[in-house]
Amino acid sequence: MEASDPSARLSLLPGAQSTFYTPQIDRDLLLDFLMVFSRFEYSLKKCGFVRGNEKRAWPDWDKFGAANYERFDTIEDVALMDAVDFLRREPPKKQVFRDDQLGWEKVTHNPKEPLFLYVLLLVRTIRNNLFHGGKFSDGPIDEPARNYQLLHSALTVLRASVSFDSEMSNIFGGADG
């Protein structure tokens, strides 16, 4: 295999080729999601939406959501509204460990909190399922069309959310150097 062949990079990981290089996953969409999510978190931290201590810093999604939920509530972008509607109807599940067993649990919306905070939580849950292996833990993907829609909807939310804060939009777009 040539070094430029993406499957060659996974040759040291048994089972990785069959998990990540399957027709059930749109690799371009997956890569796009991971890149946008990563840049979004970087932008959050650069814009002061950050928490941490002397050992670690992490993006403060809730602070960003609290600062921008009113803007979110007034957006009339059809693609964003469709994405949010889908995420609310078909939210990702989060992996839990209960009674010495891995399982899945619905992520529910607390009606006392702004919808935008819930939507951002759903986006992070999608990312966590991908990064921490929960998405691929039980063998073949049961609902590839649903998973495509989850990724697509999360991307739509992230791209729209960047525009809610002008500094964030500039940094996300590469204005920080």
C-alpha atoms as a PDB file:
ATOM      1  CA  MET A   1       0.000   0.000   0.000  1.00  0.00           C
ATOM      2  CA  GLU A   2       1.167   3.501  -0.790  1.00  0.00           C
ATOM      3  CA  ALA A   3       1.703   5.984   2.040  1.00  0.00           C
ATOM      4  CA  SER A   4      -0.983   8.205   0.519  1.00  0.00           C
ATOM      5  CA  ASP A   5      -3.540   5.402   0.799  1.00  0.00           C
ATOM      6  CA  PRO A   6      -5.648   6.236   3.906  1.00  0.00           C
ATOM      7  CA  SER A   7      -6.271   2.577   4.622  1.00  0.00           C
ATOM      8  CA  ALA A   8      -2.501   2.057   4.925  1.00  0.00           C
ATOM      9  CA  ARG A   9      -2.412   4.343   7.948  1.00  0.00           C
ATOM     10  CA  LEU A  10      -4.834   2.052   9.738  1.00  0.00           C
ATOM     11  CA  SER A  11      -2.958  -1.170   9.017  1.00  0.00           C
ATOM     12  CA  LEU A  12      -1.547  -1.220  12.552  1.00  0.00           C
ATOM     13  CA  LEU A  13      -5.014  -1.080  14.076  1.00  0.00           C
ATOM     14  CA  PRO A  14      -6.747  -4.448  13.777  1.00  0.00           C
ATOM     15  CA  GLY A  15     -10.340  -4.004  12.680  1.00  0.00           C
ATOM     16  CA  ALA A  16      -9.955  -0.289  11.970  1.00  0.00           C
ATOM     17  CA  GLN A  17     -10.189  -0.674   8.213  1.00  0.00           C
ATOM     18  CA  SER A  18     -13.469  -2.538   8.392  1.00  0.00           C
ATOM     19  CA  THR A  19     -14.877  -0.025  10.887  1.00  0.00           C
ATOM     20  CA  PHE A  20     -13.908   3.245   9.225  1.00  0.00           C
ATOM     21  CA  TYR A  21     -13.721   2.215   5.587  1.00  0.00           C
ATOM     22  CA  THR A  22     -17.174   0.879   5.002  1.00  0.00           C
ATOM     23  CA  PRO A  23     -19.938   2.026   2.670  1.00  0.00           C
ATOM     24  CA  GLN A  24     -22.088   2.603   5.782  1.00  0.00           C
ATOM     25  CA  ILE A  25     -20.133   5.757   6.644  1.00  0.00           C
ATOM     26  CA  ASP A  26     -19.716   8.784   4.418  1.00  0.00           C
ATOM     27  CA  ARG A  27     -16.002   9.378   5.037  1.00  0.00           C
ATOM     28  CA  ASP A  28     -16.026  12.887   3.587  1.00  0.00           C
ATOM     29  CA  LEU A  29     -18.910  13.895   5.837  1.00  0.00           C
ATOM     30  CA  LEU A  30     -17.215  12.286   8.829  1.00  0.00           C
ATOM     31  CA  LEU A  31     -13.939  14.096   8.148  1.00  0.00           C
ATOM     32  CA  ASP A  32     -15.762  17.377   7.546  1.00  0.00           C
ATOM     33  CA  PHE A  33     -17.591  17.014  10.849  1.00  0.00           C
ATOM     34  CA  LEU A  34     -14.421  16.247  12.783  1.00  0.00           C
ATOM     35  CA  MET A  35     -12.540  19.173  11.235  1.00  0.00           C
ATOM     36  CA  VAL A  36     -15.377  21.673  11.782  1.00  0.00           C
ATOM     37  CA  PHE A  37     -15.971  20.447  15.332  1.00  0.00           C
ATOM     38  CA  SER A  38     -12.271  20.756  16.149  1.00  0.00           C
ATOM     39  CA  ARG A  39     -12.038  24.268  14.690  1.00  0.00           C
ATOM     40  CA  PHE A  40     -15.234  25.248  16.520  1.00  0.00           C
ATOM     41  CA  GLU A  41     -13.780  24.170  19.880  1.00  0.00           C
ATOM     42  CA  TYR A  42     -10.531  25.979  19.118  1.00  0.00           C
ATOM     43  CA  SER A  43     -12.512  29.124  18.276  1.00  0.00           C
ATOM     44  CA  LEU A  44     -14.561  28.840  21.468  1.00  0.00           C
ATOM     45  CA  LYS A  45     -11.393  28.820  23.576  1.00  0.00           C
ATOM     46  CA  LYS A  46      -9.751  31.657  21.631  1.00  0.00           C
ATOM     47  CA  CYS A  47     -12.878  33.813  22.105  1.00  0.00           C
ATOM     48  CA  GLY A  48     -12.960  33.353  25.875  1.00  0.00           C
ATOM     49  CA  PHE A  49     -15.573  30.619  25.971  1.00  0.00           C
ATOM     50  CA  VAL A  50     -13.204  28.514  28.024  1.00  0.00           C
ATOM     51  CA  ARG A  51     -12.913  26.918  31.453  1.00  0.00           C
ATOM     52  CA  GLY A  52     -10.054  25.174  33.107  1.00  0.00           C
ATOM     53  CA  ASN A  53      -7.209  25.316  35.527  1.00  0.00           C
ATOM     54  CA  GLU A  54      -3.423  25.320  35.459  1.00  0.00           C
ATOM     55  CA  LYS A  55      -3.412  21.735  34.172  1.00  0.00           C
ATOM     56  CA  ARG A  56      -6.092  21.814  31.512  1.00  0.00           C
ATOM     57  CA  ALA A  57      -8.329  24.094  29.458  1.00  0.00           C
ATOM     58  CA  TRP A  58     -11.548  23.095  27.739  1.00  0.00           C
ATOM     59  CA  PRO A  59     -14.150  24.896  25.656  1.00  0.00           C
ATOM     60  CA  ASP A  60     -17.141  26.207  27.551  1.00  0.00           C
ATOM     61  CA  TRP A  61     -20.016  25.312  25.246  1.00  0.00           C
ATOM     62  CA  ASP A  62     -22.610  26.266  27.850  1.00  0.00           C
ATOM     63  CA  LYS A  63     -21.154  29.766  28.215  1.00  0.00           C
ATOM     64  CA  PHE A  64     -21.302  30.170  24.438  1.00  0.00           C
ATOM     65  CA  GLY A  65     -24.864  28.839  24.396  1.00  0.00           C
ATOM     66  CA  ALA A  66     -25.959  31.151  27.209  1.00  0.00           C
ATOM     67  CA  ALA A  67     -24.427  34.133  25.422  1.00  0.00           C
ATOM     68  CA  ASN A  68     -26.095  33.324  22.107  1.00  0.00           C
ATOM     69  CA  TYR A  69     -29.392  31.534  22.738  1.00  0.00           C
ATOM     70  CA  GLU A  70     -31.478  34.641  22.035  1.00  0.00           C
ATOM     71  CA  ARG A  71     -29.844  34.997  18.627  1.00  0.00           C
ATOM     72  CA  PHE A  72     -30.427  31.300  17.974  1.00  0.00           C
ATOM     73  CA  ASP A  73     -34.107  31.697  18.883  1.00  0.00           C
ATOM     74  CA  THR A  74     -34.576  34.391  16.221  1.00  0.00           C
ATOM     75  CA  ILE A  75     -32.774  32.696  13.330  1.00  0.00           C
ATOM     76  CA  GLU A  76     -35.040  31.885  10.402  1.00  0.00           C
ATOM     77  CA  ASP A  77     -32.525  29.855   8.402  1.00  0.00           C
ATOM     78  CA  VAL A  78     -34.461  26.934   6.921  1.00  0.00           C
ATOM     79  CA  ALA A  79     -31.465  24.551   6.890  1.00  0.00           C
ATOM     80  CA  LEU A  80     -30.738  25.287  10.547  1.00  0.00           C
ATOM     81  CA  MET A  81     -34.376  24.874  11.544  1.00  0.00           C
ATOM     82  CA  ASP A  82     -34.542  21.553   9.679  1.00  0.00           C
ATOM     83  CA  ALA A  83     -31.345  20.365  11.386  1.00  0.00           C
ATOM     84  CA  VAL A  84     -32.640  21.326  14.826  1.00  0.00           C
ATOM     85  CA  ASP A  85     -36.007  19.685  14.143  1.00  0.00           C
ATOM     86  CA  PHE A  86     -34.262  16.456  13.182  1.00  0.00           C
ATOM     87  CA  LEU A  87     -31.991  16.513  16.246  1.00  0.00           C
ATOM     88  CA  ARG A  88     -34.975  17.072  18.517  1.00  0.00           C
ATOM     89  CA  ARG A  89     -36.976  14.256  16.887  1.00  0.00           C
ATOM     90  CA  GLU A  90     -34.058  11.822  16.627  1.00  0.00           C
ATOM     91  CA  PRO A  91     -31.533  12.844  19.283  1.00  0.00           C
ATOM     92  CA  PRO A  92     -28.334  10.862  19.578  1.00  0.00           C
ATOM     93  CA  LYS A  93     -28.135   8.561  22.535  1.00  0.00           C
ATOM     94  CA  LYS A  94     -25.313   8.735  25.024  1.00  0.00           C
ATOM     95  CA  GLN A  95     -23.429   5.702  26.158  1.00  0.00           C
ATOM     96  CA  VAL A  96     -23.792   4.922  29.863  1.00  0.00           C
ATOM     97  CA  PHE A  97     -22.403   2.335  32.249  1.00  0.00           C
ATOM     98  CA  ARG A  98     -25.047   0.997  34.595  1.00  0.00           C
ATOM     99  CA  ASP A  99     -25.143  -2.257  36.564  1.00  0.00           C
ATOM    100  CA  ASP A 100     -21.749  -3.256  35.129  1.00  0.00           C
ATOM    101  CA  GLN A 101     -23.160  -3.004  31.601  1.00  0.00           C
ATOM    102  CA  LEU A 102     -22.669  -0.584  28.732  1.00  0.00           C
ATOM    103  CA  GLY A 103     -25.944   0.781  27.497  1.00  0.00           C
ATOM    104  CA  TRP A 104     -27.579   3.703  25.738  1.00  0.00           C
ATOM    105  CA  GLU A 105     -29.777   6.438  27.108  1.00  0.00           C
ATOM    106  CA  LYS A 106     -31.688   9.232  25.450  1.00  0.00           C
ATOM    107  CA  VAL A 107     -30.368  12.748  25.861  1.00  0.00           C
ATOM    108  CA  THR A 108     -33.368  14.751  27.002  1.00  0.00           C
ATOM    109  CA  HIS A 109     -34.094  18.457  27.008  1.00  0.00           C
ATOM    110  CA  ASN A 110     -34.687  20.246  30.273  1.00  0.00           C
ATOM    111  CA  PRO A 111     -37.507  22.642  29.283  1.00  0.00           C
ATOM    112  CA  LYS A 112     -36.193  25.199  31.820  1.00  0.00           C
ATOM    113  CA  GLU A 113     -33.017  25.609  29.752  1.00  0.00           C
ATOM    114  CA  PRO A 114     -32.761  27.382  26.396  1.00  0.00           C
ATOM    115  CA  LEU A 115     -33.153  25.100  23.396  1.00  0.00           C
ATOM    116  CA  PHE A 116     -29.772  26.225  22.040  1.00  0.00           C
ATOM    117  CA  LEU A 117     -27.939  24.716  25.027  1.00  0.00           C
ATOM    118  CA  TYR A 118     -29.693  21.390  24.399  1.00  0.00           C
ATOM    119  CA  VAL A 119     -28.842  21.476  20.688  1.00  0.00           C
ATOM    120  CA  LEU A 120     -25.188  22.147  21.499  1.00  0.00           C
ATOM    121  CA  LEU A 121     -25.257  19.220  23.927  1.00  0.00           C
ATOM    122  CA  LEU A 122     -26.590  16.982  21.149  1.00  0.00           C
ATOM    123  CA  VAL A 123     -23.745  18.077  18.851  1.00  0.00           C
ATOM    124  CA  ARG A 124     -21.207  17.178  21.561  1.00  0.00           C
ATOM    125  CA  THR A 125     -22.911  13.841  22.134  1.00  0.00           C
ATOM    126  CA  ILE A 126     -22.553  13.020  18.434  1.00  0.00           C
ATOM    127  CA  ARG A 127     -18.872  13.909  18.634  1.00  0.00           C
ATOM    128  CA  ASN A 128     -18.367  11.891  21.821  1.00  0.00           C
ATOM    129  CA  ASN A 129     -19.976   8.822  20.281  1.00  0.00           C
ATOM    130  CA  LEU A 130     -17.555   9.054  17.369  1.00  0.00           C
ATOM    131  CA  PHE A 131     -14.370   9.886  19.271  1.00  0.00           C
ATOM    132  CA  HIS A 132     -14.846   7.568  22.198  1.00  0.00           C
ATOM    133  CA  GLY A 133     -15.870   4.545  20.183  1.00  0.00           C
ATOM    134  CA  GLY A 134     -19.466   4.343  21.287  1.00  0.00           C
ATOM    135  CA  LYS A 135     -20.724   4.636  17.742  1.00  0.00           C
ATOM    136  CA  PHE A 136     -18.902   1.494  16.636  1.00  0.00           C
ATOM    137  CA  SER A 137     -18.996  -0.610  19.793  1.00  0.00           C
ATOM    138  CA  ASP A 138     -21.734  -3.022  18.825  1.00  0.00           C
ATOM    139  CA  GLY A 139     -20.645  -4.084  15.357  1.00  0.00           C
ATOM    140  CA  PRO A 140     -22.174  -2.886  12.097  1.00  0.00           C
ATOM    141  CA  ILE A 141     -24.072   0.374  12.105  1.00  0.00           C
ATOM    142  CA  ASP A 142     -27.806  -0.228  12.417  1.00  0.00           C
ATOM    143  CA  GLU A 143     -29.072   2.996  10.872  1.00  0.00           C
ATOM    144  CA  PRO A 144     -26.591   4.460   8.375  1.00  0.00           C
ATOM    145  CA  ALA A 145     -29.150   6.957   6.980  1.00  0.00           C
ATOM    146  CA  ARG A 146     -29.923   8.250  10.479  1.00  0.00           C
ATOM    147  CA  ASN A 147     -26.231   8.546  11.282  1.00  0.00           C
ATOM    148  CA  TYR A 148     -25.664  10.505   8.077  1.00  0.00           C
ATOM    149  CA  GLN A 149     -28.481  12.861   9.065  1.00  0.00           C
ATOM    150  CA  LEU A 150     -27.087  13.253  12.609  1.00  0.00           C
ATOM    151  CA  LEU A 151     -23.671  14.266  11.247  1.00  0.00           C
ATOM    152  CA  HIS A 152     -25.177  16.526   8.607  1.00  0.00           C
ATOM    153  CA  SER A 153     -27.459  18.207  11.152  1.00  0.00           C
ATOM    154  CA  ALA A 154     -24.617  18.696  13.640  1.00  0.00           C
ATOM    155  CA  LEU A 155     -22.490  20.293  10.914  1.00  0.00           C
ATOM    156  CA  THR A 156     -25.338  22.627  10.002  1.00  0.00           C
ATOM    157  CA  VAL A 157     -25.678  23.686  13.653  1.00  0.00           C
ATOM    158  CA  LEU A 158     -21.938  24.272  14.044  1.00  0.00           C
ATOM    159  CA  ARG A 159     -21.631  26.317  10.861  1.00  0.00           C
ATOM    160  CA  ALA A 160     -24.641  28.465  11.732  1.00  0.00           C
ATOM    161  CA  SER A 161     -23.534  28.918  15.347  1.00  0.00           C
ATOM    162  CA  VAL A 162     -20.186  30.356  14.322  1.00  0.00           C
ATOM    163  CA  SER A 163     -22.001  33.339  12.829  1.00  0.00           C
ATOM    164  CA  PHE A 164     -23.636  34.232  16.161  1.00  0.00           C
ATOM    165  CA  ASP A 165     -20.403  35.823  17.431  1.00  0.00           C
ATOM    166  CA  SER A 166     -18.332  38.038  15.098  1.00  0.00           C
ATOM    167  CA  GLU A 167     -15.020  37.326  16.850  1.00  0.00           C
ATOM    168  CA  MET A 168     -15.770  33.622  16.747  1.00  0.00           C
ATOM    169  CA  SER A 169     -16.587  33.845  13.050  1.00  0.00           C
ATOM    170  CA  ASN A 170     -13.278  35.607  12.345  1.00  0.00           C
ATOM    171  CA  ILE A 171     -11.231  33.092  14.307  1.00  0.00           C
ATOM    172  CA  PHE A 172     -13.073  30.119  12.859  1.00  0.00           C
ATOM    173  CA  GLY A 173     -12.371  31.500   9.407  1.00  0.00           C
ATOM    174  CA  GLY A 174      -8.658  31.740  10.118  1.00  0.00           C
ATOM    175  CA  ALA A 175      -8.272  35.404  11.092  1.00  0.00           C
ATOM    176  CA  ASP A 176      -6.154  34.476  14.119  1.00  0.00           C
ATOM    177  CA  GLY A 177      -3.036  33.791  12.076  1.00  0.00           C
END
